Amino acid sequence: MLRKLLTPLDVVSIGFLSFLILLCLVFSARLDVWPWLVLVDLVGVGCILALARQAERKPTRLWIGFHRWYCYPIVLLVFKQIYLMVRPIHPIDYDHVFIAIDRAMFGVDPTVCISQFAHPLLTEILQIAYFSYYILFIVLGVEIYRRLPIGDFDHAAFMIVYGFYLSYLGYFLMPGVGPRFTLHDFALLGNDLPGLWLTDTMRKIINAGESIPAHLPNPQDYVQRDVFPSGHTQLTLITVILAFRYKLKSRVFITVMASLLFIATVYLRYHYVIDLFGGVAFCAVTFWTGDRFQRWWSGEKKRVNNEF
């Protein structure tokens, strides 16, 4: 019965939430809030099953929309949950490894070297590009949802959410805080890389999303461990590939913003270069395994891909 109801996105989301529940139980001695995390994940699984059931019973535009678009808020929910889990479970940062790899490849620290090209206008442009990461998925999803069959939206949404989950596994395996804390003085970032109009506001929003306190002297103790792989690189590259796969009108805009974003990850000191290589590798794994899983799932059951 469940196989009839669930999309590949439902399956991978339920699977990842179940994986987090298992981690909470195994490492409960290290996680003070583990009962609440388990409760949240169980509620999440229940909501996914309820949405899938409702969309199957009443396939109206409203319920189909709810069932498909939960994919975006769930990655945010899981992202904030793993913030509470990564450091207690794996309390070792691997920044020294990432720094050593970058130095072995380039002979210098790339974020330090690229600082010689800093300019307020360039900083402004690249900060906007880096921030566009949070809307490129929406641009992609809205165009596919409006113009193409619902099955295409299911495929794209699955690839993006599945890619997020894979990147979260990387954060568990090799936590890190990034060069803005290790190779540079985070408190001086505004002086070192000043922007023009929007840079400060966007930085504050990003910092808040990564749980960085505004006025404490040791923000590196609180920041989310989400350096390797570079999710910005991995997920943006996935978005670009999907935009071209479906020949979207927005593919030129997405590609231009993505190109600037890749530069911004290093210029703005969010990532080491090896993080970008990791993002590319995780992107390849996402498509290689994700396409195969979806083909296997489609072979097991026939779904009617109505256009809405």
C-alpha atoms as a PDB file:
ATOM      1  CA  MET A   1       0.000   0.000   0.000  1.00  0.00           C
ATOM      2  CA  LEU A   2       2.772   2.434   0.916  1.00  0.00           C
ATOM      3  CA  ARG A   3       4.577   1.785  -2.356  1.00  0.00           C
ATOM      4  CA  LYS A   4       1.468   2.986  -4.148  1.00  0.00           C
ATOM      5  CA  LEU A   5       1.346   6.216  -2.208  1.00  0.00           C
ATOM      6  CA  LEU A   6       4.938   7.348  -1.887  1.00  0.00           C
ATOM      7  CA  THR A   7       7.099   9.241  -4.349  1.00  0.00           C
ATOM      8  CA  PRO A   8      10.891   8.743  -4.330  1.00  0.00           C
ATOM      9  CA  LEU A   9      11.125  12.027  -2.406  1.00  0.00           C
ATOM     10  CA  ASP A  10       8.801  10.647   0.275  1.00  0.00           C
ATOM     11  CA  VAL A  11      10.866   7.484   0.557  1.00  0.00           C
ATOM     12  CA  VAL A  12      14.240   9.202   0.881  1.00  0.00           C
ATOM     13  CA  SER A  13      12.851  11.772   3.345  1.00  0.00           C
ATOM     14  CA  ILE A  14      11.303   9.115   5.552  1.00  0.00           C
ATOM     15  CA  GLY A  15      14.532   7.132   5.292  1.00  0.00           C
ATOM     16  CA  PHE A  16      16.692  10.067   6.351  1.00  0.00           C
ATOM     17  CA  LEU A  17      14.412  11.021   9.231  1.00  0.00           C
ATOM     18  CA  SER A  18      14.534   7.401  10.367  1.00  0.00           C
ATOM     19  CA  PHE A  19      18.334   7.527  10.149  1.00  0.00           C
ATOM     20  CA  LEU A  20      18.341  10.626  12.398  1.00  0.00           C
ATOM     21  CA  ILE A  21      16.053   8.865  14.874  1.00  0.00           C
ATOM     22  CA  LEU A  22      18.495   5.945  14.972  1.00  0.00           C
ATOM     23  CA  LEU A  23      21.426   8.321  15.574  1.00  0.00           C
ATOM     24  CA  CYS A  24      19.518   9.979  18.421  1.00  0.00           C
ATOM     25  CA  LEU A  25      18.893   6.633  20.078  1.00  0.00           C
ATOM     26  CA  VAL A  26      22.460   5.386  19.628  1.00  0.00           C
ATOM     27  CA  PHE A  27      24.017   8.630  20.886  1.00  0.00           C
ATOM     28  CA  SER A  28      21.326   9.572  23.408  1.00  0.00           C
ATOM     29  CA  ALA A  29      23.956   9.911  26.152  1.00  0.00           C
ATOM     30  CA  ARG A  30      25.544  12.780  24.193  1.00  0.00           C
ATOM     31  CA  LEU A  31      22.329  14.457  23.053  1.00  0.00           C
ATOM     32  CA  ASP A  32      20.442  16.189  25.856  1.00  0.00           C
ATOM     33  CA  VAL A  33      17.509  17.003  23.575  1.00  0.00           C
ATOM     34  CA  TRP A  34      17.282  13.613  21.874  1.00  0.00           C
ATOM     35  CA  PRO A  35      13.665  12.904  22.975  1.00  0.00           C
ATOM     36  CA  TRP A  36      12.517  16.130  21.331  1.00  0.00           C
ATOM     37  CA  LEU A  37      14.469  15.404  18.161  1.00  0.00           C
ATOM     38  CA  VAL A  38      12.952  11.929  17.940  1.00  0.00           C
ATOM     39  CA  LEU A  39       9.492  13.416  18.451  1.00  0.00           C
ATOM     40  CA  VAL A  40      10.029  16.002  15.717  1.00  0.00           C
ATOM     41  CA  ASP A  41      11.253  13.329  13.297  1.00  0.00           C
ATOM     42  CA  LEU A  42       8.325  11.040  14.068  1.00  0.00           C
ATOM     43  CA  VAL A  43       5.919  13.920  13.468  1.00  0.00           C
ATOM     44  CA  GLY A  44       7.757  14.634  10.211  1.00  0.00           C
ATOM     45  CA  VAL A  45       7.339  11.036   9.054  1.00  0.00           C
ATOM     46  CA  GLY A  46       3.676  11.142  10.000  1.00  0.00           C
ATOM     47  CA  CYS A  47       3.124  14.374   8.068  1.00  0.00           C
ATOM     48  CA  ILE A  48       4.774  12.969   4.945  1.00  0.00           C
ATOM     49  CA  LEU A  49       2.580   9.852   5.080  1.00  0.00           C
ATOM     50  CA  ALA A  50      -0.530  11.957   5.685  1.00  0.00           C
ATOM     51  CA  LEU A  51       0.245  14.304   2.788  1.00  0.00           C
ATOM     52  CA  ALA A  52       0.933  11.380   0.460  1.00  0.00           C
ATOM     53  CA  ARG A  53      -2.334   9.725   1.479  1.00  0.00           C
ATOM     54  CA  GLN A  54      -4.354  12.903   1.080  1.00  0.00           C
ATOM     55  CA  ALA A  55      -2.835  13.708  -2.320  1.00  0.00           C
ATOM     56  CA  GLU A  56      -3.711  10.178  -3.482  1.00  0.00           C
ATOM     57  CA  ARG A  57      -7.277  10.320  -2.189  1.00  0.00           C
ATOM     58  CA  LYS A  58      -7.968  13.916  -3.272  1.00  0.00           C
ATOM     59  CA  PRO A  59      -5.636  14.713  -6.176  1.00  0.00           C
ATOM     60  CA  THR A  60      -6.581  18.383  -6.360  1.00  0.00           C
ATOM     61  CA  ARG A  61      -4.118  21.142  -7.174  1.00  0.00           C
ATOM     62  CA  LEU A  62      -4.099  22.139  -3.483  1.00  0.00           C
ATOM     63  CA  TRP A  63      -3.164  18.734  -2.068  1.00  0.00           C
ATOM     64  CA  ILE A  64      -0.809  17.884  -4.907  1.00  0.00           C
ATOM     65  CA  GLY A  65       0.897  21.226  -4.199  1.00  0.00           C
ATOM     66  CA  PHE A  66       1.198  20.575  -0.469  1.00  0.00           C
ATOM     67  CA  HIS A  67       2.548  17.093  -1.127  1.00  0.00           C
ATOM     68  CA  ARG A  68       5.169  18.322  -3.593  1.00  0.00           C
ATOM     69  CA  TRP A  69       6.296  21.563  -1.973  1.00  0.00           C
ATOM     70  CA  TYR A  70       6.990  20.196   1.498  1.00  0.00           C
ATOM     71  CA  CYS A  71      10.371  19.298   0.005  1.00  0.00           C
ATOM     72  CA  TYR A  72      11.691  22.809   0.609  1.00  0.00           C
ATOM     73  CA  PRO A  73      10.837  23.341   4.287  1.00  0.00           C
ATOM     74  CA  ILE A  74      11.920  19.828   5.242  1.00  0.00           C
ATOM     75  CA  VAL A  75      15.542  20.432   4.233  1.00  0.00           C
ATOM     76  CA  LEU A  76      15.574  23.512   6.477  1.00  0.00           C
ATOM     77  CA  LEU A  77      14.084  21.545   9.360  1.00  0.00           C
ATOM     78  CA  VAL A  78      16.683  18.794   9.003  1.00  0.00           C
ATOM     79  CA  PHE A  79      19.492  21.328   8.595  1.00  0.00           C
ATOM     80  CA  LYS A  80      18.668  22.894  11.966  1.00  0.00           C
ATOM     81  CA  GLN A  81      18.293  19.494  13.584  1.00  0.00           C
ATOM     82  CA  ILE A  82      21.747  18.313  12.552  1.00  0.00           C
ATOM     83  CA  TYR A  83      23.125  21.530  14.046  1.00  0.00           C
ATOM     84  CA  LEU A  84      22.146  20.051  17.398  1.00  0.00           C
ATOM     85  CA  MET A  85      23.592  16.652  16.546  1.00  0.00           C
ATOM     86  CA  VAL A  86      26.871  16.943  14.624  1.00  0.00           C
ATOM     87  CA  ARG A  87      29.144  18.391  17.290  1.00  0.00           C
ATOM     88  CA  PRO A  88      27.959  16.193  20.188  1.00  0.00           C
ATOM     89  CA  ILE A  89      28.248  13.078  18.019  1.00  0.00           C
ATOM     90  CA  HIS A  90      31.518  13.980  16.273  1.00  0.00           C
ATOM     91  CA  PRO A  91      33.243  16.738  18.307  1.00  0.00           C
ATOM     92  CA  ILE A  92      36.346  16.971  16.091  1.00  0.00           C
ATOM     93  CA  ASP A  93      36.757  19.700  13.468  1.00  0.00           C
ATOM     94  CA  TYR A  94      38.732  18.804  10.359  1.00  0.00           C
ATOM     95  CA  ASP A  95      39.686  22.313   9.266  1.00  0.00           C
ATOM     96  CA  HIS A  96      43.372  21.480   9.670  1.00  0.00           C
ATOM     97  CA  VAL A  97      42.935  18.708   7.085  1.00  0.00           C
ATOM     98  CA  PHE A  98      41.146  20.987   4.633  1.00  0.00           C
ATOM     99  CA  ILE A  99      43.793  23.695   5.088  1.00  0.00           C
ATOM    100  CA  ALA A 100      46.594  21.204   4.505  1.00  0.00           C
ATOM    101  CA  ILE A 101      44.966  19.896   1.310  1.00  0.00           C
ATOM    102  CA  ASP A 102      44.472  23.417  -0.057  1.00  0.00           C
ATOM    103  CA  ARG A 103      48.085  24.288   0.681  1.00  0.00           C
ATOM    104  CA  ALA A 104      49.281  21.070  -0.936  1.00  0.00           C
ATOM    105  CA  MET A 105      47.306  21.886  -4.087  1.00  0.00           C
ATOM    106  CA  PHE A 106      48.064  25.594  -4.385  1.00  0.00           C
ATOM    107  CA  GLY A 107      51.065  26.303  -2.149  1.00  0.00           C
ATOM    108  CA  VAL A 108      49.057  29.067  -0.445  1.00  0.00           C
ATOM    109  CA  ASP A 109      45.805  29.575   1.400  1.00  0.00           C
ATOM    110  CA  PRO A 110      43.385  30.469  -1.440  1.00  0.00           C
ATOM    111  CA  THR A 111      41.159  32.691   0.727  1.00  0.00           C
ATOM    112  CA  VAL A 112      44.207  34.683   1.806  1.00  0.00           C
ATOM    113  CA  CYS A 113      45.623  34.917  -1.710  1.00  0.00           C
ATOM    114  CA  ILE A 114      42.345  36.038  -3.275  1.00  0.00           C
ATOM    115  CA  SER A 115      42.023  38.847  -0.719  1.00  0.00           C
ATOM    116  CA  GLN A 116      44.361  40.975  -2.841  1.00  0.00           C
ATOM    117  CA  PHE A 117      41.525  41.371  -5.345  1.00  0.00           C
ATOM    118  CA  ALA A 118      39.006  42.546  -2.739  1.00  0.00           C
ATOM    119  CA  HIS A 119      36.867  45.522  -3.688  1.00  0.00           C
ATOM    120  CA  PRO A 120      33.548  46.709  -2.200  1.00  0.00           C
ATOM    121  CA  LEU A 121      31.708  46.416  -5.530  1.00  0.00           C
ATOM    122  CA  LEU A 122      33.048  42.911  -6.160  1.00  0.00           C
ATOM    123  CA  THR A 123      32.173  41.926  -2.591  1.00  0.00           C
ATOM    124  CA  GLU A 124      28.636  43.242  -3.056  1.00  0.00           C
ATOM    125  CA  ILE A 125      28.124  41.312  -6.302  1.00  0.00           C
ATOM    126  CA  LEU A 126      29.529  38.079  -4.910  1.00  0.00           C
ATOM    127  CA  GLN A 127      27.586  38.363  -1.644  1.00  0.00           C
ATOM    128  CA  ILE A 128      24.367  38.737  -3.636  1.00  0.00           C
ATOM    129  CA  ALA A 129      25.353  35.734  -5.743  1.00  0.00           C
ATOM    130  CA  TYR A 130      26.119  33.670  -2.643  1.00  0.00           C
ATOM    131  CA  PHE A 131      22.766  34.639  -1.129  1.00  0.00           C
ATOM    132  CA  SER A 132      20.955  33.699  -4.359  1.00  0.00           C
ATOM    133  CA  TYR A 133      21.578  30.072  -3.372  1.00  0.00           C
ATOM    134  CA  TYR A 134      18.446  30.288  -1.236  1.00  0.00           C
ATOM    135  CA  ILE A 135      16.212  31.303  -4.151  1.00  0.00           C
ATOM    136  CA  LEU A 136      17.656  29.394  -7.122  1.00  0.00           C
ATOM    137  CA  PHE A 137      15.815  26.249  -5.985  1.00  0.00           C
ATOM    138  CA  ILE A 138      12.567  28.217  -5.914  1.00  0.00           C
ATOM    139  CA  VAL A 139      13.177  29.628  -9.410  1.00  0.00           C
ATOM    140  CA  LEU A 140      13.852  26.115 -10.703  1.00  0.00           C
ATOM    141  CA  GLY A 141      10.918  24.523  -8.903  1.00  0.00           C
ATOM    142  CA  VAL A 142       8.334  27.140  -9.844  1.00  0.00           C
ATOM    143  CA  GLU A 143       9.168  26.993 -13.549  1.00  0.00           C
ATOM    144  CA  ILE A 144       9.117  23.186 -13.652  1.00  0.00           C
ATOM    145  CA  TYR A 145       5.895  23.048 -11.630  1.00  0.00           C
ATOM    146  CA  ARG A 146       4.147  25.568 -13.886  1.00  0.00           C
ATOM    147  CA  ARG A 147       5.374  24.402 -17.294  1.00  0.00           C
ATOM    148  CA  LEU A 148       6.165  20.687 -17.130  1.00  0.00           C
ATOM    149  CA  PRO A 149       4.450  17.428 -16.058  1.00  0.00           C
ATOM    150  CA  ILE A 150       4.288  16.756 -12.340  1.00  0.00           C
ATOM    151  CA  GLY A 151       6.611  13.791 -12.809  1.00  0.00           C
ATOM    152  CA  ASP A 152       9.394  16.158 -13.881  1.00  0.00           C
ATOM    153  CA  PHE A 153       8.869  18.223 -10.749  1.00  0.00           C
ATOM    154  CA  ASP A 154       9.015  15.048  -8.665  1.00  0.00           C
ATOM    155  CA  HIS A 155      12.327  14.121 -10.267  1.00  0.00           C
ATOM    156  CA  ALA A 156      13.875  17.569  -9.768  1.00  0.00           C
ATOM    157  CA  ALA A 157      12.626  17.900  -6.178  1.00  0.00           C
ATOM    158  CA  PHE A 158      13.948  14.445  -5.354  1.00  0.00           C
ATOM    159  CA  MET A 159      17.397  15.241  -6.752  1.00  0.00           C
ATOM    160  CA  ILE A 160      17.680  18.455  -4.767  1.00  0.00           C
ATOM    161  CA  VAL A 161      16.428  17.062  -1.463  1.00  0.00           C
ATOM    162  CA  TYR A 162      18.441  13.846  -1.891  1.00  0.00           C
ATOM    163  CA  GLY A 163      21.501  16.004  -2.578  1.00  0.00           C
ATOM    164  CA  PHE A 164      20.893  17.917   0.644  1.00  0.00           C
ATOM    165  CA  TYR A 165      20.681  14.697   2.640  1.00  0.00           C
ATOM    166  CA  LEU A 166      23.948  13.422   1.162  1.00  0.00           C
ATOM    167  CA  SER A 167      25.682  16.693   2.039  1.00  0.00           C
ATOM    168  CA  TYR A 168      24.396  16.388   5.604  1.00  0.00           C
ATOM    169  CA  LEU A 169      26.115  13.007   5.834  1.00  0.00           C
ATOM    170  CA  GLY A 170      29.338  14.785   4.907  1.00  0.00           C
ATOM    171  CA  TYR A 171      28.886  17.194   7.817  1.00  0.00           C
ATOM    172  CA  PHE A 172      28.624  14.254  10.205  1.00  0.00           C
ATOM    173  CA  LEU A 173      31.706  12.580   8.746  1.00  0.00           C
ATOM    174  CA  MET A 174      34.054  15.592   8.505  1.00  0.00           C
ATOM    175  CA  PRO A 175      32.805  18.605  10.486  1.00  0.00           C
ATOM    176  CA  GLY A 176      34.467  21.977   9.953  1.00  0.00           C
ATOM    177  CA  VAL A 177      33.855  25.684  10.507  1.00  0.00           C
ATOM    178  CA  GLY A 178      35.550  27.244   7.469  1.00  0.00           C
ATOM    179  CA  PRO A 179      38.371  29.713   6.752  1.00  0.00           C
ATOM    180  CA  ARG A 180      36.547  32.811   8.018  1.00  0.00           C
ATOM    181  CA  PHE A 181      37.145  31.379  11.518  1.00  0.00           C
ATOM    182  CA  THR A 182      40.448  29.539  11.096  1.00  0.00           C
ATOM    183  CA  LEU A 183      42.531  31.556   8.618  1.00  0.00           C
ATOM    184  CA  HIS A 184      40.931  34.948   9.230  1.00  0.00           C
ATOM    185  CA  ASP A 185      39.501  36.950  12.104  1.00  0.00           C
ATOM    186  CA  PHE A 186      35.734  36.563  11.867  1.00  0.00           C
ATOM    187  CA  ALA A 187      35.201  39.767  13.838  1.00  0.00           C
ATOM    188  CA  LEU A 188      37.110  41.749  11.187  1.00  0.00           C
ATOM    189  CA  LEU A 189      35.268  40.337   8.175  1.00  0.00           C
ATOM    190  CA  GLY A 190      33.283  43.534   7.680  1.00  0.00           C
ATOM    191  CA  ASN A 191      36.505  45.571   7.646  1.00  0.00           C
ATOM    192  CA  ASP A 192      38.426  43.148   5.431  1.00  0.00           C
ATOM    193  CA  LEU A 193      35.625  42.623   2.903  1.00  0.00           C
ATOM    194  CA  PRO A 194      33.255  45.596   3.061  1.00  0.00           C
ATOM    195  CA  GLY A 195      30.377  45.719   0.621  1.00  0.00           C
ATOM    196  CA  LEU A 196      28.127  48.551  -0.483  1.00  0.00           C
ATOM    197  CA  TRP A 197      24.430  48.284   0.345  1.00  0.00           C
ATOM    198  CA  LEU A 198      23.206  44.733   0.906  1.00  0.00           C
ATOM    199  CA  THR A 199      26.313  42.859   2.016  1.00  0.00           C
ATOM    200  CA  ASP A 200      25.994  43.444   5.764  1.00  0.00           C
ATOM    201  CA  THR A 201      22.313  42.537   5.831  1.00  0.00           C
ATOM    202  CA  MET A 202      22.841  39.366   3.844  1.00  0.00           C
ATOM    203  CA  ARG A 203      25.760  38.342   6.046  1.00  0.00           C
ATOM    204  CA  LYS A 204      23.640  38.776   9.139  1.00  0.00           C
ATOM    205  CA  ILE A 205      20.860  36.637   7.664  1.00  0.00           C
ATOM    206  CA  ILE A 206      23.330  33.899   6.686  1.00  0.00           C
ATOM    207  CA  ASN A 207      25.005  34.065  10.103  1.00  0.00           C
ATOM    208  CA  ALA A 208      21.646  33.747  11.837  1.00  0.00           C
ATOM    209  CA  GLY A 209      20.785  30.749   9.662  1.00  0.00           C
ATOM    210  CA  GLU A 210      24.035  29.117  10.763  1.00  0.00           C
ATOM    211  CA  SER A 211      23.331  29.896  14.438  1.00  0.00           C
ATOM    212  CA  ILE A 212      26.261  32.315  14.777  1.00  0.00           C
ATOM    213  CA  PRO A 213      25.704  34.597  17.801  1.00  0.00           C
ATOM    214  CA  ALA A 214      25.960  38.299  17.072  1.00  0.00           C
ATOM    215  CA  HIS A 215      27.956  39.556  20.056  1.00  0.00           C
ATOM    216  CA  LEU A 216      29.824  36.635  21.628  1.00  0.00           C
ATOM    217  CA  PRO A 217      33.642  36.495  21.455  1.00  0.00           C
ATOM    218  CA  ASN A 218      33.804  32.840  20.350  1.00  0.00           C
ATOM    219  CA  PRO A 219      31.304  32.433  17.484  1.00  0.00           C
ATOM    220  CA  GLN A 220      33.267  29.471  16.081  1.00  0.00           C
ATOM    221  CA  ASP A 221      32.006  27.424  19.039  1.00  0.00           C
ATOM    222  CA  TYR A 222      28.408  27.928  17.913  1.00  0.00           C
ATOM    223  CA  VAL A 223      28.505  27.963  14.109  1.00  0.00           C
ATOM    224  CA  GLN A 224      27.006  25.060  12.188  1.00  0.00           C
ATOM    225  CA  ARG A 225      29.595  22.494  11.081  1.00  0.00           C
ATOM    226  CA  ASP A 226      28.673  22.544   7.383  1.00  0.00           C
ATOM    227  CA  VAL A 227      31.899  23.135   5.469  1.00  0.00           C
ATOM    228  CA  PHE A 228      32.587  19.828   3.697  1.00  0.00           C
ATOM    229  CA  PRO A 229      31.233  19.262   1.183  1.00  0.00           C
ATOM    230  CA  SER A 230      30.286  22.727   0.013  1.00  0.00           C
ATOM    231  CA  GLY A 231      26.518  22.441  -0.120  1.00  0.00           C
ATOM    232  CA  HIS A 232      26.411  25.720  -2.025  1.00  0.00           C
ATOM    233  CA  THR A 233      28.550  24.148  -4.742  1.00  0.00           C
ATOM    234  CA  GLN A 234      26.854  20.747  -4.769  1.00  0.00           C
ATOM    235  CA  LEU A 235      23.246  21.908  -4.738  1.00  0.00           C
ATOM    236  CA  THR A 236      23.784  24.851  -7.074  1.00  0.00           C
ATOM    237  CA  LEU A 237      25.484  22.563  -9.586  1.00  0.00           C
ATOM    238  CA  ILE A 238      22.559  20.150  -9.301  1.00  0.00           C
ATOM    239  CA  THR A 239      20.221  23.067  -9.992  1.00  0.00           C
ATOM    240  CA  VAL A 240      22.199  24.109 -13.087  1.00  0.00           C
ATOM    241  CA  ILE A 241      22.199  20.552 -14.471  1.00  0.00           C
ATOM    242  CA  LEU A 242      18.451  20.203 -13.913  1.00  0.00           C
ATOM    243  CA  ALA A 243      17.800  23.591 -15.535  1.00  0.00           C
ATOM    244  CA  PHE A 244      19.576  22.418 -18.693  1.00  0.00           C
ATOM    245  CA  ARG A 245      18.113  18.919 -18.517  1.00  0.00           C
ATOM    246  CA  TYR A 246      14.624  20.412 -18.693  1.00  0.00           C
ATOM    247  CA  LYS A 247      15.601  23.287 -21.020  1.00  0.00           C
ATOM    248  CA  LEU A 248      14.178  25.889 -18.669  1.00  0.00           C
ATOM    249  CA  LYS A 249      13.923  29.531 -19.649  1.00  0.00           C
ATOM    250  CA  SER A 250      15.656  30.450 -16.390  1.00  0.00           C
ATOM    251  CA  ARG A 251      18.748  28.356 -17.128  1.00  0.00           C
ATOM    252  CA  VAL A 252      20.855  31.332 -18.277  1.00  0.00           C
ATOM    253  CA  PHE A 253      20.048  33.304 -15.119  1.00  0.00           C
ATOM    254  CA  ILE A 254      20.693  30.251 -12.943  1.00  0.00           C
ATOM    255  CA  THR A 255      24.012  29.559 -14.659  1.00  0.00           C
ATOM    256  CA  VAL A 256      25.269  33.146 -14.345  1.00  0.00           C
ATOM    257  CA  MET A 257      24.380  33.296 -10.662  1.00  0.00           C
ATOM    258  CA  ALA A 258      25.894  29.862 -10.090  1.00  0.00           C
ATOM    259  CA  SER A 259      29.191  30.861 -11.716  1.00  0.00           C
ATOM    260  CA  LEU A 260      29.481  33.900  -9.452  1.00  0.00           C
ATOM    261  CA  LEU A 261      28.400  31.824  -6.456  1.00  0.00           C
ATOM    262  CA  PHE A 262      31.228  29.315  -6.932  1.00  0.00           C
ATOM    263  CA  ILE A 263      33.759  32.160  -6.809  1.00  0.00           C
ATOM    264  CA  ALA A 264      31.974  33.720  -3.830  1.00  0.00           C
ATOM    265  CA  THR A 265      32.328  30.604  -1.677  1.00  0.00           C
ATOM    266  CA  VAL A 266      36.104  31.145  -1.515  1.00  0.00           C
ATOM    267  CA  TYR A 267      36.303  34.919  -1.949  1.00  0.00           C
ATOM    268  CA  LEU A 268      33.881  35.490   0.939  1.00  0.00           C
ATOM    269  CA  ARG A 269      35.808  32.959   3.092  1.00  0.00           C
ATOM    270  CA  TYR A 270      32.951  30.553   3.626  1.00  0.00           C
ATOM    271  CA  HIS A 271      34.784  27.561   2.150  1.00  0.00           C
ATOM    272  CA  TYR A 272      38.148  26.041   1.377  1.00  0.00           C
ATOM    273  CA  VAL A 273      38.724  25.075  -2.252  1.00  0.00           C
ATOM    274  CA  ILE A 274      38.697  21.386  -1.345  1.00  0.00           C
ATOM    275  CA  ASP A 275      35.109  21.910  -0.164  1.00  0.00           C
ATOM    276  CA  LEU A 276      34.160  22.883  -3.716  1.00  0.00           C
ATOM    277  CA  PHE A 277      35.786  19.746  -5.103  1.00  0.00           C
ATOM    278  CA  GLY A 278      33.850  17.814  -2.493  1.00  0.00           C
ATOM    279  CA  GLY A 279      30.645  19.510  -3.656  1.00  0.00           C
ATOM    280  CA  VAL A 280      31.320  18.482  -7.255  1.00  0.00           C
ATOM    281  CA  ALA A 281      31.997  14.891  -6.171  1.00  0.00           C
ATOM    282  CA  PHE A 282      28.833  14.771  -4.049  1.00  0.00           C
ATOM    283  CA  CYS A 283      26.879  16.191  -7.008  1.00  0.00           C
ATOM    284  CA  ALA A 284      28.137  13.349  -9.196  1.00  0.00           C
ATOM    285  CA  VAL A 285      27.165  10.792  -6.539  1.00  0.00           C
ATOM    286  CA  THR A 286      23.728  12.403  -6.223  1.00  0.00           C
ATOM    287  CA  PHE A 287      22.947  11.968  -9.914  1.00  0.00           C
ATOM    288  CA  TRP A 288      24.590   8.559 -10.273  1.00  0.00           C
ATOM    289  CA  THR A 289      22.698   7.012  -7.371  1.00  0.00           C
ATOM    290  CA  GLY A 290      19.596   9.198  -7.539  1.00  0.00           C
ATOM    291  CA  ASP A 291      18.776   8.487 -11.180  1.00  0.00           C
ATOM    292  CA  ARG A 292      19.184   4.759 -10.579  1.00  0.00           C
ATOM    293  CA  PHE A 293      16.979   4.803  -7.503  1.00  0.00           C
ATOM    294  CA  GLN A 294      14.213   6.653  -9.319  1.00  0.00           C
ATOM    295  CA  ARG A 295      14.351   4.287 -12.297  1.00  0.00           C
ATOM    296  CA  TRP A 296      14.167   1.333  -9.921  1.00  0.00           C
ATOM    297  CA  TRP A 297      11.254   2.844  -8.035  1.00  0.00           C
ATOM    298  CA  SER A 298       9.356   3.635 -11.234  1.00  0.00           C
ATOM    299  CA  GLY A 299       9.832   0.070 -12.386  1.00  0.00           C
ATOM    300  CA  GLU A 300       8.164  -1.208  -9.229  1.00  0.00           C
ATOM    301  CA  LYS A 301       4.965   0.749  -9.590  1.00  0.00           C
ATOM    302  CA  LYS A 302       3.078   2.756 -12.185  1.00  0.00           C
ATOM    303  CA  ARG A 303       2.169   6.292 -11.287  1.00  0.00           C
ATOM    304  CA  VAL A 304      -0.081   8.581 -13.233  1.00  0.00           C
ATOM    305  CA  ASN A 305       1.828  11.791 -13.953  1.00  0.00           C
ATOM    306  CA  ASN A 306      -0.988  14.255 -14.354  1.00  0.00           C
ATOM    307  CA  GLU A 307      -0.159  17.727 -15.479  1.00  0.00           C
ATOM    308  CA  PHE A 308      -1.383  20.530 -13.240  1.00  0.00           C
END
